[in-house]
Amino acid sequence: MPVAIALDQTLVSAAIAIVAAIIAYRRAAVGLRRAAERREVVQRRDALEQVLAAIVEPVAEYMRDDTGDYPQREMVELERCTLQAQVLFWRDLAMQEALRNLTYPSQHAAAAAYIQTVAANLAR
């Protein structure tokens, strides 16, 4: 009889431990998933801010009037930033198109406005 009671108590303790472990695992998984999503949003926002910061005066002037001198160094930096941002937005085709169009003077204004809108939404 004492052996049966000890065995029942062991089984109940094991079941409680298993349930507690499952609850702890699920809570940790949810917390880690949220942290990863937050980290990804911050990384995307930072990439877009870097792209917008790369539109410095020579580039902005060239985009308004493309008959002037081509700002080689600044355009290469802008293209590098847009390419890095495209990697982060590989599933978003509209953002891919806006990042691509950012380097074309005829489509620059609309693309920059779209990117600024998305960056503001990610900041929230």
PDB file of N, CA and C in Angstrom:
ATOM      1  N   MET A   1       0.805  -1.197   0.000  1.00  0.00           N
ATOM      2  CA  MET A   1       0.000   0.000   0.000  1.00  0.00           C
ATOM      3  C   MET A   1       0.859   1.278   0.000  1.00  0.00           C
ATOM      4  N   PRO A   2       1.858   1.394   0.881  1.00  0.00           N
ATOM      5  CA  PRO A   2       2.693   2.602   0.849  1.00  0.00           C
ATOM      6  C   PRO A   2       3.414   2.769  -0.491  1.00  0.00           C
ATOM      7  N   VAL A   3       3.733   1.650  -1.141  1.00  0.00           N
ATOM      8  CA  VAL A   3       4.401   1.732  -2.439  1.00  0.00           C
ATOM      9  C   VAL A   3       3.453   2.308  -3.484  1.00  0.00           C
ATOM     10  N   ALA A   4       2.204   1.941  -3.462  1.00  0.00           N
ATOM     11  CA  ALA A   4       1.215   2.430  -4.414  1.00  0.00           C
ATOM     12  C   ALA A   4       0.988   3.928  -4.224  1.00  0.00           C
ATOM     13  N   ILE A   5       0.957   4.373  -2.971  1.00  0.00           N
ATOM     14  CA  ILE A   5       0.767   5.805  -2.693  1.00  0.00           C
ATOM     15  C   ILE A   5       1.978   6.589  -3.179  1.00  0.00           C
ATOM     16  N   ALA A   6       3.175   6.076  -2.956  1.00  0.00           N
ATOM     17  CA  ALA A   6       4.395   6.759  -3.404  1.00  0.00           C
ATOM     18  C   ALA A   6       4.439   6.823  -4.922  1.00  0.00           C
ATOM     19  N   LEU A   7       4.023   5.755  -5.595  1.00  0.00           N
ATOM     20  CA  LEU A   7       4.009   5.735  -7.049  1.00  0.00           C
ATOM     21  C   LEU A   7       2.997   6.745  -7.592  1.00  0.00           C
ATOM     22  N   ASP A   8       1.815   6.833  -6.989  1.00  0.00           N
ATOM     23  CA  ASP A   8       0.807   7.807  -7.417  1.00  0.00           C
ATOM     24  C   ASP A   8       1.318   9.235  -7.244  1.00  0.00           C
ATOM     25  N   GLN A   9       1.983   9.492  -6.104  1.00  0.00           N
ATOM     26  CA  GLN A   9       2.514  10.831  -5.861  1.00  0.00           C
ATOM     27  C   GLN A   9       3.623  11.168  -6.868  1.00  0.00           C
ATOM     28  N   THR A  10       4.422  10.198  -7.245  1.00  0.00           N
ATOM     29  CA  THR A  10       5.483  10.408  -8.224  1.00  0.00           C
ATOM     30  C   THR A  10       4.898  10.719  -9.590  1.00  0.00           C
ATOM     31  N   LEU A  11       3.869   9.986  -9.981  1.00  0.00           N
ATOM     32  CA  LEU A  11       3.232  10.219 -11.267  1.00  0.00           C
ATOM     33  C   LEU A  11       2.557  11.591 -11.312  1.00  0.00           C
ATOM     34  N   VAL A  12       1.891  11.983 -10.238  1.00  0.00           N
ATOM     35  CA  VAL A  12       1.240  13.284 -10.183  1.00  0.00           C
ATOM     36  C   VAL A  12       2.302  14.389 -10.242  1.00  0.00           C
ATOM     37  N   SER A  13       3.389  14.225  -9.506  1.00  0.00           N
ATOM     38  CA  SER A  13       4.476  15.212  -9.531  1.00  0.00           C
ATOM     39  C   SER A  13       5.096  15.314 -10.919  1.00  0.00           C
ATOM     40  N   ALA A  14       5.273  14.197 -11.580  1.00  0.00           N
ATOM     41  CA  ALA A  14       5.832  14.199 -12.934  1.00  0.00           C
ATOM     42  C   ALA A  14       4.884  14.898 -13.906  1.00  0.00           C
ATOM     43  N   ALA A  15       3.603  14.641 -13.786  1.00  0.00           N
ATOM     44  CA  ALA A  15       2.617  15.287 -14.664  1.00  0.00           C
ATOM     45  C   ALA A  15       2.597  16.801 -14.434  1.00  0.00           C
ATOM     46  N   ILE A  16       2.648  17.213 -13.182  1.00  0.00           N
ATOM     47  CA  ILE A  16       2.675  18.650 -12.881  1.00  0.00           C
ATOM     48  C   ILE A  16       3.940  19.280 -13.442  1.00  0.00           C
ATOM     49  N   ALA A  17       5.066  18.612 -13.326  1.00  0.00           N
ATOM     50  CA  ALA A  17       6.330  19.136 -13.852  1.00  0.00           C
ATOM     51  C   ALA A  17       6.288  19.245 -15.373  1.00  0.00           C
ATOM     52  N   ILE A  18       5.699  18.262 -16.028  1.00  0.00           N
ATOM     53  CA  ILE A  18       5.597  18.297 -17.491  1.00  0.00           C
ATOM     54  C   ILE A  18       4.698  19.446 -17.931  1.00  0.00           C
ATOM     55  N   VAL A  19       3.569  19.636 -17.283  1.00  0.00           N
ATOM     56  CA  VAL A  19       2.661  20.738 -17.623  1.00  0.00           C
ATOM     57  C   VAL A  19       3.352  22.083 -17.391  1.00  0.00           C
ATOM     58  N   ALA A  20       4.056  22.214 -16.280  1.00  0.00           N
ATOM     59  CA  ALA A  20       4.776  23.462 -15.994  1.00  0.00           C
ATOM     60  C   ALA A  20       5.862  23.720 -17.041  1.00  0.00           C
ATOM     61  N   ALA A  21       6.552  22.682 -17.484  1.00  0.00           N
ATOM     62  CA  ALA A  21       7.589  22.833 -18.504  1.00  0.00           C
ATOM     63  C   ALA A  21       6.987  23.259 -19.842  1.00  0.00           C
ATOM     64  N   ILE A  22       5.850  22.694 -20.204  1.00  0.00           N
ATOM     65  CA  ILE A  22       5.182  23.067 -21.457  1.00  0.00           C
ATOM     66  C   ILE A  22       4.741  24.525 -21.411  1.00  0.00           C
ATOM     67  N   ILE A  23       4.176  24.949 -20.281  1.00  0.00           N
ATOM     68  CA  ILE A  23       3.746  26.348 -20.145  1.00  0.00           C
ATOM     69  C   ILE A  23       4.948  27.281 -20.236  1.00  0.00           C
ATOM     70  N   ALA A  24       6.031  26.940 -19.564  1.00  0.00           N
ATOM     71  CA  ALA A  24       7.238  27.778 -19.608  1.00  0.00           C
ATOM     72  C   ALA A  24       7.825  27.831 -21.014  1.00  0.00           C
ATOM     73  N   TYR A  25       7.830  26.712 -21.704  1.00  0.00           N
ATOM     74  CA  TYR A  25       8.344  26.668 -23.072  1.00  0.00           C
ATOM     75  C   TYR A  25       7.527  27.562 -23.999  1.00  0.00           C
ATOM     76  N   ARG A  26       6.214  27.478 -23.914  1.00  0.00           N
ATOM     77  CA  ARG A  26       5.363  28.283 -24.791  1.00  0.00           C
ATOM     78  C   ARG A  26       5.500  29.775 -24.504  1.00  0.00           C
ATOM     79  N   ARG A  27       5.572  30.139 -23.232  1.00  0.00           N
ATOM     80  CA  ARG A  27       5.755  31.557 -22.894  1.00  0.00           C
ATOM     81  C   ARG A  27       7.098  32.067 -23.391  1.00  0.00           C
ATOM     82  N   ALA A  28       8.135  31.268 -23.252  1.00  0.00           N
ATOM     83  CA  ALA A  28       9.457  31.671 -23.742  1.00  0.00           C
ATOM     84  C   ALA A  28       9.454  31.794 -25.266  1.00  0.00           C
ATOM     85  N   ALA A  29       8.790  30.866 -25.942  1.00  0.00           N
ATOM     86  CA  ALA A  29       8.724  30.917 -27.408  1.00  0.00           C
ATOM     87  C   ALA A  29       7.986  32.171 -27.876  1.00  0.00           C
ATOM     88  N   VAL A  30       6.904  32.518 -27.226  1.00  0.00           N
ATOM     89  CA  VAL A  30       6.156  33.722 -27.590  1.00  0.00           C
ATOM     90  C   VAL A  30       7.007  34.964 -27.345  1.00  0.00           C
ATOM     91  N   GLY A  31       7.683  35.011 -26.206  1.00  0.00           N
ATOM     92  CA  GLY A  31       8.550  36.148 -25.899  1.00  0.00           C
ATOM     93  C   GLY A  31       9.688  36.297 -26.882  1.00  0.00           C
ATOM     94  N   LEU A  32      10.317  35.194 -27.257  1.00  0.00           N
ATOM     95  CA  LEU A  32      11.409  35.243 -28.225  1.00  0.00           C
ATOM     96  C   LEU A  32      10.912  35.632 -29.609  1.00  0.00           C
ATOM     97  N   ARG A  33       9.731  35.158 -29.996  1.00  0.00           N
ATOM     98  CA  ARG A  33       9.166  35.509 -31.288  1.00  0.00           C
ATOM     99  C   ARG A  33       8.858  37.007 -31.351  1.00  0.00           C
ATOM    100  N   ARG A  34       8.295  37.546 -30.283  1.00  0.00           N
ATOM    101  CA  ARG A  34       8.007  38.983 -30.243  1.00  0.00           C
ATOM    102  C   ARG A  34       9.290  39.808 -30.298  1.00  0.00           C
ATOM    103  N   ALA A  35      10.305  39.368 -29.583  1.00  0.00           N
ATOM    104  CA  ALA A  35      11.583  40.083 -29.601  1.00  0.00           C
ATOM    105  C   ALA A  35      12.201  40.057 -31.001  1.00  0.00           C
ATOM    106  N   ALA A  36      12.096  38.925 -31.682  1.00  0.00           N
ATOM    107  CA  ALA A  36      12.633  38.828 -33.045  1.00  0.00           C
ATOM    108  C   ALA A  36      11.865  39.737 -34.000  1.00  0.00           C
ATOM    109  N   GLU A  37      10.541  39.792 -33.857  1.00  0.00           N
ATOM    110  CA  GLU A  37       9.742  40.677 -34.707  1.00  0.00           C
ATOM    111  C   GLU A  37      10.083  42.138 -34.446  1.00  0.00           C
ATOM    112  N   ARG A  38      10.242  42.493 -33.170  1.00  0.00           N
ATOM    113  CA  ARG A  38      10.616  43.864 -32.825  1.00  0.00           C
ATOM    114  C   ARG A  38      11.971  44.217 -33.402  1.00  0.00           C
ATOM    115  N   ARG A  39      12.920  43.291 -33.300  1.00  0.00           N
ATOM    116  CA  ARG A  39      14.268  43.505 -33.833  1.00  0.00           C
ATOM    117  C   ARG A  39      14.234  43.675 -35.350  1.00  0.00           C
ATOM    118  N   GLU A  40      13.396  42.897 -36.025  1.00  0.00           N
ATOM    119  CA  GLU A  40      13.282  43.003 -37.482  1.00  0.00           C
ATOM    120  C   GLU A  40      12.674  44.341 -37.895  1.00  0.00           C
ATOM    121  N   VAL A  41      11.665  44.801 -37.164  1.00  0.00           N
ATOM    122  CA  VAL A  41      11.050  46.097 -37.482  1.00  0.00           C
ATOM    123  C   VAL A  41      12.060  47.226 -37.279  1.00  0.00           C
ATOM    124  N   VAL A  42      12.825  47.156 -36.201  1.00  0.00           N
ATOM    125  CA  VAL A  42      13.840  48.188 -35.951  1.00  0.00           C
ATOM    126  C   VAL A  42      14.908  48.155 -37.039  1.00  0.00           C
ATOM    127  N   GLN A  43      15.297  46.968 -37.447  1.00  0.00           N
ATOM    128  CA  GLN A  43      16.308  46.839 -38.494  1.00  0.00           C
ATOM    129  C   GLN A  43      15.793  47.401 -39.818  1.00  0.00           C
ATOM    130  N   ARG A  44      14.547  47.136 -40.156  1.00  0.00           N
ATOM    131  CA  ARG A  44      13.961  47.675 -41.388  1.00  0.00           C
ATOM    132  C   ARG A  44      13.851  49.191 -41.330  1.00  0.00           C
ATOM    133  N   ARG A  45      13.396  49.708 -40.172  1.00  0.00           N
ATOM    134  CA  ARG A  45      13.270  51.158 -40.017  1.00  0.00           C
ATOM    135  C   ARG A  45      14.628  51.837 -40.144  1.00  0.00           C
ATOM    136  N   ASP A  46      15.639  51.261 -39.515  1.00  0.00           N
ATOM    137  CA  ASP A  46      16.985  51.836 -39.605  1.00  0.00           C
ATOM    138  C   ASP A  46      17.510  51.820 -41.038  1.00  0.00           C
ATOM    139  N   ALA A  47      17.213  50.754 -41.774  1.00  0.00           N
ATOM    140  CA  ALA A  47      17.662  50.673 -43.168  1.00  0.00           C
ATOM    141  C   ALA A  47      16.994  51.749 -44.015  1.00  0.00           C
ATOM    142  N   LEU A  48      15.693  51.968 -43.797  1.00  0.00           N
ATOM    143  CA  LEU A  48      15.001  53.010 -44.564  1.00  0.00           C
ATOM    144  C   LEU A  48      15.499  54.406 -44.183  1.00  0.00           C
ATOM    145  N   GLU A  49      15.772  54.611 -42.907  1.00  0.00           N
ATOM    146  CA  GLU A  49      16.309  55.906 -42.485  1.00  0.00           C
ATOM    147  C   GLU A  49      17.692  56.140 -43.086  1.00  0.00           C
ATOM    148  N   GLN A  50      18.456  55.080 -43.212  1.00  0.00           N
ATOM    149  CA  GLN A  50      19.778  55.194 -43.835  1.00  0.00           C
ATOM    150  C   GLN A  50      19.642  55.537 -45.317  1.00  0.00           C
ATOM    151  N   VAL A  51      18.666  54.958 -45.983  1.00  0.00           N
ATOM    152  CA  VAL A  51      18.422  55.281 -47.395  1.00  0.00           C
ATOM    153  C   VAL A  51      18.024  56.739 -47.535  1.00  0.00           C
ATOM    154  N   LEU A  52      17.115  57.191 -46.678  1.00  0.00           N
ATOM    155  CA  LEU A  52      16.664  58.577 -46.758  1.00  0.00           C
ATOM    156  C   LEU A  52      17.786  59.547 -46.395  1.00  0.00           C
ATOM    157  N   ALA A  53      18.666  59.137 -45.511  1.00  0.00           N
ATOM    158  CA  ALA A  53      19.798  59.997 -45.146  1.00  0.00           C
ATOM    159  C   ALA A  53      20.837  60.063 -46.263  1.00  0.00           C
ATOM    160  N   ALA A  54      20.835  59.070 -47.141  1.00  0.00           N
ATOM    161  CA  ALA A  54      21.802  59.062 -48.248  1.00  0.00           C
ATOM    162  C   ALA A  54      21.405  60.029 -49.362  1.00  0.00           C
ATOM    163  N   ILE A  55      20.194  60.557 -49.285  1.00  0.00           N
ATOM    164  CA  ILE A  55      19.765  61.550 -50.280  1.00  0.00           C
ATOM    165  C   ILE A  55      20.275  62.909 -49.798  1.00  0.00           C
ATOM    166  N   VAL A  56      21.581  63.088 -49.911  1.00  0.00           N
ATOM    167  CA  VAL A  56      22.213  64.334 -49.483  1.00  0.00           C
ATOM    168  C   VAL A  56      22.125  65.354 -50.615  1.00  0.00           C
ATOM    169  N   GLU A  57      22.627  66.536 -50.377  1.00  0.00           N
ATOM    170  CA  GLU A  57      22.445  67.660 -51.297  1.00  0.00           C
ATOM    171  C   GLU A  57      22.849  67.375 -52.747  1.00  0.00           C
ATOM    172  N   PRO A  58      24.010  66.820 -53.042  1.00  0.00           N
ATOM    173  CA  PRO A  58      24.300  66.590 -54.476  1.00  0.00           C
ATOM    174  C   PRO A  58      23.303  65.636 -55.144  1.00  0.00           C
ATOM    175  N   VAL A  59      22.872  64.623 -54.404  1.00  0.00           N
ATOM    176  CA  VAL A  59      21.922  63.662 -54.969  1.00  0.00           C
ATOM    177  C   VAL A  59      20.554  64.311 -55.145  1.00  0.00           C
ATOM    178  N   ALA A  60      20.112  65.039 -54.134  1.00  0.00           N
ATOM    179  CA  ALA A  60      18.806  65.696 -54.219  1.00  0.00           C
ATOM    180  C   ALA A  60      18.787  66.718 -55.356  1.00  0.00           C
ATOM    181  N   GLU A  61      19.873  67.433 -55.515  1.00  0.00           N
ATOM    182  CA  GLU A  61      19.956  68.422 -56.594  1.00  0.00           C
ATOM    183  C   GLU A  61      19.941  67.727 -57.955  1.00  0.00           C
ATOM    184  N   TYR A  62      20.669  66.622 -58.080  1.00  0.00           N
ATOM    185  CA  TYR A  62      20.689  65.883 -59.339  1.00  0.00           C
ATOM    186  C   TYR A  62      19.314  65.295 -59.645  1.00  0.00           C
ATOM    187  N   MET A  63      18.598  64.828 -58.624  1.00  0.00           N
ATOM    188  CA  MET A  63      17.274  64.244 -58.839  1.00  0.00           C
ATOM    189  C   MET A  63      16.265  65.303 -59.288  1.00  0.00           C
ATOM    190  N   ARG A  64      16.436  66.548 -58.832  1.00  0.00           N
ATOM    191  CA  ARG A  64      15.531  67.616 -59.279  1.00  0.00           C
ATOM    192  C   ARG A  64      15.842  68.027 -60.711  1.00  0.00           C
ATOM    193  N   ASP A  65      17.141  68.075 -61.055  1.00  0.00           N
ATOM    194  CA  ASP A  65      17.555  68.514 -62.392  1.00  0.00           C
ATOM    195  C   ASP A  65      18.696  67.616 -62.845  1.00  0.00           C
ATOM    196  N   ASP A  66      18.379  66.620 -63.667  1.00  0.00           N
ATOM    197  CA  ASP A  66      19.390  65.632 -64.055  1.00  0.00           C
ATOM    198  C   ASP A  66      20.285  66.088 -65.201  1.00  0.00           C
ATOM    199  N   THR A  67      20.237  67.352 -65.547  1.00  0.00           N
ATOM    200  CA  THR A  67      21.129  67.858 -66.600  1.00  0.00           C
ATOM    201  C   THR A  67      22.489  68.261 -66.040  1.00  0.00           C
ATOM    202  N   GLY A  68      22.602  68.361 -64.718  1.00  0.00           N
ATOM    203  CA  GLY A  68      23.861  68.765 -64.088  1.00  0.00           C
ATOM    204  C   GLY A  68      24.840  67.605 -63.985  1.00  0.00           C
ATOM    205  N   ASP A  69      25.878  67.815 -63.194  1.00  0.00           N
ATOM    206  CA  ASP A  69      26.892  66.785 -62.993  1.00  0.00           C
ATOM    207  C   ASP A  69      26.326  65.616 -62.199  1.00  0.00           C
ATOM    208  N   TYR A  70      26.715  64.421 -62.597  1.00  0.00           N
ATOM    209  CA  TYR A  70      26.285  63.208 -61.907  1.00  0.00           C
ATOM    210  C   TYR A  70      27.139  63.034 -60.650  1.00  0.00           C
ATOM    211  N   PRO A  71      26.536  63.024 -59.460  1.00  0.00           N
ATOM    212  CA  PRO A  71      27.315  62.865 -58.224  1.00  0.00           C
ATOM    213  C   PRO A  71      27.679  61.394 -57.996  1.00  0.00           C
ATOM    214  N   GLN A  72      28.788  60.984 -58.573  1.00  0.00           N
ATOM    215  CA  GLN A  72      29.189  59.577 -58.587  1.00  0.00           C
ATOM    216  C   GLN A  72      29.254  58.965 -57.183  1.00  0.00           C
ATOM    217  N   ARG A  73      30.010  59.560 -56.297  1.00  0.00           N
ATOM    218  CA  ARG A  73      30.231  58.978 -54.973  1.00  0.00           C
ATOM    219  C   ARG A  73      28.923  58.883 -54.185  1.00  0.00           C
ATOM    220  N   GLU A  74      28.134  59.936 -54.195  1.00  0.00           N
ATOM    221  CA  GLU A  74      26.891  59.942 -53.435  1.00  0.00           C
ATOM    222  C   GLU A  74      25.862  58.976 -54.020  1.00  0.00           C
ATOM    223  N   MET A  75      25.832  58.857 -55.343  1.00  0.00           N
ATOM    224  CA  MET A  75      24.893  57.921 -55.966  1.00  0.00           C
ATOM    225  C   MET A  75      25.278  56.474 -55.675  1.00  0.00           C
ATOM    226  N   VAL A  76      26.558  56.196 -55.650  1.00  0.00           N
ATOM    227  CA  VAL A  76      26.994  54.839 -55.303  1.00  0.00           C
ATOM    228  C   VAL A  76      26.595  54.516 -53.865  1.00  0.00           C
ATOM    229  N   GLU A  77      26.750  55.482 -52.964  1.00  0.00           N
ATOM    230  CA  GLU A  77      26.343  55.280 -51.574  1.00  0.00           C
ATOM    231  C   GLU A  77      24.836  55.078 -51.465  1.00  0.00           C
ATOM    232  N   LEU A  78      24.064  55.856 -52.219  1.00  0.00           N
ATOM    233  CA  LEU A  78      22.610  55.694 -52.221  1.00  0.00           C
ATOM    234  C   LEU A  78      22.218  54.317 -52.756  1.00  0.00           C
ATOM    235  N   GLU A  79      22.843  53.889 -53.822  1.00  0.00           N
ATOM    236  CA  GLU A  79      22.537  52.572 -54.390  1.00  0.00           C
ATOM    237  C   GLU A  79      22.924  51.451 -53.432  1.00  0.00           C
ATOM    238  N   ARG A  80      24.018  51.624 -52.701  1.00  0.00           N
ATOM    239  CA  ARG A  80      24.427  50.620 -51.715  1.00  0.00           C
ATOM    240  C   ARG A  80      23.386  50.517 -50.609  1.00  0.00           C
ATOM    241  N   CYS A  81      22.932  51.658 -50.123  1.00  0.00           N
ATOM    242  CA  CYS A  81      21.917  51.663 -49.062  1.00  0.00           C
ATOM    243  C   CYS A  81      20.597  51.062 -49.538  1.00  0.00           C
ATOM    244  N   THR A  82      20.199  51.393 -50.764  1.00  0.00           N
ATOM    245  CA  THR A  82      18.946  50.840 -51.279  1.00  0.00           C
ATOM    246  C   THR A  82      19.038  49.333 -51.482  1.00  0.00           C
ATOM    247  N   LEU A  83      20.189  48.869 -51.899  1.00  0.00           N
ATOM    248  CA  LEU A  83      20.360  47.425 -52.069  1.00  0.00           C
ATOM    249  C   LEU A  83      20.286  46.700 -50.726  1.00  0.00           C
ATOM    250  N   GLN A  84      20.901  47.266 -49.706  1.00  0.00           N
ATOM    251  CA  GLN A  84      20.812  46.652 -48.379  1.00  0.00           C
ATOM    252  C   GLN A  84      19.378  46.654 -47.862  1.00  0.00           C
ATOM    253  N   ALA A  85      18.651  47.718 -48.126  1.00  0.00           N
ATOM    254  CA  ALA A  85      17.252  47.777 -47.694  1.00  0.00           C
ATOM    255  C   ALA A  85      16.393  46.783 -48.480  1.00  0.00           C
ATOM    256  N   GLN A  86      16.710  46.591 -49.759  1.00  0.00           N
ATOM    257  CA  GLN A  86      15.945  45.634 -50.556  1.00  0.00           C
ATOM    258  C   GLN A  86      16.079  44.221 -50.004  1.00  0.00           C
ATOM    259  N   VAL A  87      17.222  43.905 -49.450  1.00  0.00           N
ATOM    260  CA  VAL A  87      17.412  42.576 -48.859  1.00  0.00           C
ATOM    261  C   VAL A  87      16.462  42.387 -47.678  1.00  0.00           C
ATOM    262  N   LEU A  88      16.264  43.437 -46.879  1.00  0.00           N
ATOM    263  CA  LEU A  88      15.374  43.339 -45.728  1.00  0.00           C
ATOM    264  C   LEU A  88      13.899  43.314 -46.126  1.00  0.00           C
ATOM    265  N   PHE A  89      13.574  43.896 -47.264  1.00  0.00           N
ATOM    266  CA  PHE A  89      12.185  43.957 -47.729  1.00  0.00           C
ATOM    267  C   PHE A  89      11.971  43.006 -48.908  1.00  0.00           C
ATOM    268  N   TRP A  90      12.541  41.828 -48.862  1.00  0.00           N
ATOM    269  CA  TRP A  90      12.508  40.930 -50.010  1.00  0.00           C
ATOM    270  C   TRP A  90      11.115  40.400 -50.299  1.00  0.00           C
ATOM    271  N   ARG A  91      10.190  40.454 -49.348  1.00  0.00           N
ATOM    272  CA  ARG A  91       8.830  39.974 -49.603  1.00  0.00           C
ATOM    273  C   ARG A  91       7.884  41.080 -50.046  1.00  0.00           C
ATOM    274  N   ASP A  92       8.262  42.329 -49.852  1.00  0.00           N
ATOM    275  CA  ASP A  92       7.396  43.470 -50.146  1.00  0.00           C
ATOM    276  C   ASP A  92       7.744  44.026 -51.529  1.00  0.00           C
ATOM    277  N   LEU A  93       6.955  43.659 -52.528  1.00  0.00           N
ATOM    278  CA  LEU A  93       7.252  44.054 -53.904  1.00  0.00           C
ATOM    279  C   LEU A  93       7.100  45.553 -54.122  1.00  0.00           C
ATOM    280  N   ALA A  94       6.146  46.184 -53.447  1.00  0.00           N
ATOM    281  CA  ALA A  94       5.968  47.634 -53.596  1.00  0.00           C
ATOM    282  C   ALA A  94       7.190  48.371 -53.060  1.00  0.00           C
ATOM    283  N   MET A  95       7.716  47.916 -51.935  1.00  0.00           N
ATOM    284  CA  MET A  95       8.917  48.554 -51.381  1.00  0.00           C
ATOM    285  C   MET A  95      10.127  48.274 -52.269  1.00  0.00           C
ATOM    286  N   GLN A  96      10.216  47.082 -52.810  1.00  0.00           N
ATOM    287  CA  GLN A  96      11.304  46.761 -53.740  1.00  0.00           C
ATOM    288  C   GLN A  96      11.293  47.729 -54.922  1.00  0.00           C
ATOM    289  N   GLU A  97      10.102  47.960 -55.462  1.00  0.00           N
ATOM    290  CA  GLU A  97       9.978  48.864 -56.601  1.00  0.00           C
ATOM    291  C   GLU A  97      10.326  50.300 -56.215  1.00  0.00           C
ATOM    292  N   ALA A  98       9.872  50.741 -55.045  1.00  0.00           N
ATOM    293  CA  ALA A  98      10.176  52.104 -54.597  1.00  0.00           C
ATOM    294  C   ALA A  98      11.673  52.285 -54.372  1.00  0.00           C
ATOM    295  N   LEU A  99      12.314  51.285 -53.787  1.00  0.00           N
ATOM    296  CA  LEU A  99      13.762  51.382 -53.566  1.00  0.00           C
ATOM    297  C   LEU A  99      14.520  51.383 -54.888  1.00  0.00           C
ATOM    298  N   ARG A 100      14.040  50.616 -55.846  1.00  0.00           N
ATOM    299  CA  ARG A 100      14.676  50.608 -57.162  1.00  0.00           C
ATOM    300  C   ARG A 100      14.489  51.951 -57.861  1.00  0.00           C
ATOM    301  N   ASN A 101      13.276  52.501 -57.786  1.00  0.00           N
ATOM    302  CA  ASN A 101      12.965  53.759 -58.474  1.00  0.00           C
ATOM    303  C   ASN A 101      13.586  54.978 -57.805  1.00  0.00           C
ATOM    304  N   LEU A 102      14.099  54.810 -56.612  1.00  0.00           N
ATOM    305  CA  LEU A 102      14.680  55.936 -55.890  1.00  0.00           C
ATOM    306  C   LEU A 102      15.895  56.511 -56.605  1.00  0.00           C
ATOM    307  N   THR A 103      16.568  55.717 -57.403  1.00  0.00           N
ATOM    308  CA  THR A 103      17.781  56.185 -58.087  1.00  0.00           C
ATOM    309  C   THR A 103      17.509  56.735 -59.478  1.00  0.00           C
ATOM    310  N   TYR A 104      16.254  56.734 -59.912  1.00  0.00           N
ATOM    311  CA  TYR A 104      15.903  57.284 -61.217  1.00  0.00           C
ATOM    312  C   TYR A 104      15.294  58.673 -61.029  1.00  0.00           C
ATOM    313  N   PRO A 105      15.850  59.692 -61.671  1.00  0.00           N
ATOM    314  CA  PRO A 105      15.342  61.060 -61.461  1.00  0.00           C
ATOM    315  C   PRO A 105      13.860  61.236 -61.787  1.00  0.00           C
ATOM    316  N   SER A 106      13.362  60.548 -62.791  1.00  0.00           N
ATOM    317  CA  SER A 106      11.961  60.733 -63.185  1.00  0.00           C
ATOM    318  C   SER A 106      10.986  60.137 -62.168  1.00  0.00           C
ATOM    319  N   GLN A 107      11.415  59.151 -61.407  1.00  0.00           N
ATOM    320  CA  GLN A 107      10.534  58.465 -60.460  1.00  0.00           C
ATOM    321  C   GLN A 107      10.953  58.672 -59.010  1.00  0.00           C
ATOM    322  N   HIS A 108      11.935  59.509 -58.791  1.00  0.00           N
ATOM    323  CA  HIS A 108      12.525  59.679 -57.468  1.00  0.00           C
ATOM    324  C   HIS A 108      11.535  60.248 -56.447  1.00  0.00           C
ATOM    325  N   ALA A 109      10.789  61.271 -56.810  1.00  0.00           N
ATOM    326  CA  ALA A 109       9.912  61.957 -55.855  1.00  0.00           C
ATOM    327  C   ALA A 109       8.844  61.019 -55.292  1.00  0.00           C
ATOM    328  N   ALA A 110       8.200  60.264 -56.147  1.00  0.00           N
ATOM    329  CA  ALA A 110       7.156  59.343 -55.689  1.00  0.00           C
ATOM    330  C   ALA A 110       7.747  58.230 -54.828  1.00  0.00           C
ATOM    331  N   ALA A 111       8.898  57.723 -55.237  1.00  0.00           N
ATOM    332  CA  ALA A 111       9.536  56.656 -54.463  1.00  0.00           C
ATOM    333  C   ALA A 111       9.977  57.155 -53.094  1.00  0.00           C
ATOM    334  N   ALA A 112      10.547  58.350 -53.037  1.00  0.00           N
ATOM    335  CA  ALA A 112      10.991  58.910 -51.758  1.00  0.00           C
ATOM    336  C   ALA A 112       9.803  59.151 -50.830  1.00  0.00           C
ATOM    337  N   ALA A 113       8.693  59.624 -51.378  1.00  0.00           N
ATOM    338  CA  ALA A 113       7.499  59.851 -50.559  1.00  0.00           C
ATOM    339  C   ALA A 113       6.969  58.535 -49.990  1.00  0.00           C
ATOM    340  N   TYR A 114       6.949  57.490 -50.814  1.00  0.00           N
ATOM    341  CA  TYR A 114       6.484  56.183 -50.349  1.00  0.00           C
ATOM    342  C   TYR A 114       7.400  55.639 -49.258  1.00  0.00           C
ATOM    343  N   ILE A 115       8.696  55.760 -49.446  1.00  0.00           N
ATOM    344  CA  ILE A 115       9.650  55.258 -48.461  1.00  0.00           C
ATOM    345  C   ILE A 115       9.533  56.035 -47.152  1.00  0.00           C
ATOM    346  N   GLN A 116       9.329  57.339 -47.223  1.00  0.00           N
ATOM    347  CA  GLN A 116       9.153  58.137 -46.013  1.00  0.00           C
ATOM    348  C   GLN A 116       7.883  57.727 -45.267  1.00  0.00           C
ATOM    349  N   THR A 117       6.834  57.427 -45.998  1.00  0.00           N
ATOM    350  CA  THR A 117       5.586  56.972 -45.366  1.00  0.00           C
ATOM    351  C   THR A 117       5.781  55.646 -44.652  1.00  0.00           C
ATOM    352  N   VAL A 118       6.429  54.715 -45.307  1.00  0.00           N
ATOM    353  CA  VAL A 118       6.665  53.406 -44.703  1.00  0.00           C
ATOM    354  C   VAL A 118       7.590  53.526 -43.499  1.00  0.00           C
ATOM    355  N   ALA A 119       8.620  54.355 -43.599  1.00  0.00           N
ATOM    356  CA  ALA A 119       9.541  54.548 -42.473  1.00  0.00           C
ATOM    357  C   ALA A 119       8.809  55.154 -41.279  1.00  0.00           C
ATOM    358  N   ALA A 120       7.896  56.093 -41.532  1.00  0.00           N
ATOM    359  CA  ALA A 120       7.122  56.679 -40.435  1.00  0.00           C
ATOM    360  C   ALA A 120       6.202  55.637 -39.802  1.00  0.00           C
ATOM    361  N   ASN A 121       5.614  54.768 -40.619  1.00  0.00           N
ATOM    362  CA  ASN A 121       4.758  53.706 -40.077  1.00  0.00           C
ATOM    363  C   ASN A 121       5.572  52.714 -39.252  1.00  0.00           C
ATOM    364  N   LEU A 122       6.778  52.397 -39.686  1.00  0.00           N
ATOM    365  CA  LEU A 122       7.623  51.474 -38.928  1.00  0.00           C
ATOM    366  C   LEU A 122       8.102  52.113 -37.626  1.00  0.00           C
ATOM    367  N   ALA A 123       8.266  53.417 -37.622  1.00  0.00           N
ATOM    368  CA  ALA A 123       8.697  54.092 -36.397  1.00  0.00           C
ATOM    369  C   ALA A 123       7.621  54.014 -35.320  1.00  0.00           C
ATOM    370  N   ARG A 124       6.374  53.956 -35.751  1.00  0.00           N
ATOM    371  CA  ARG A 124       5.283  53.800 -34.775  1.00  0.00           C
ATOM    372  C   ARG A 124       5.249  52.389 -34.332  1.00  0.00           C
TER     373      ARG A 124
END
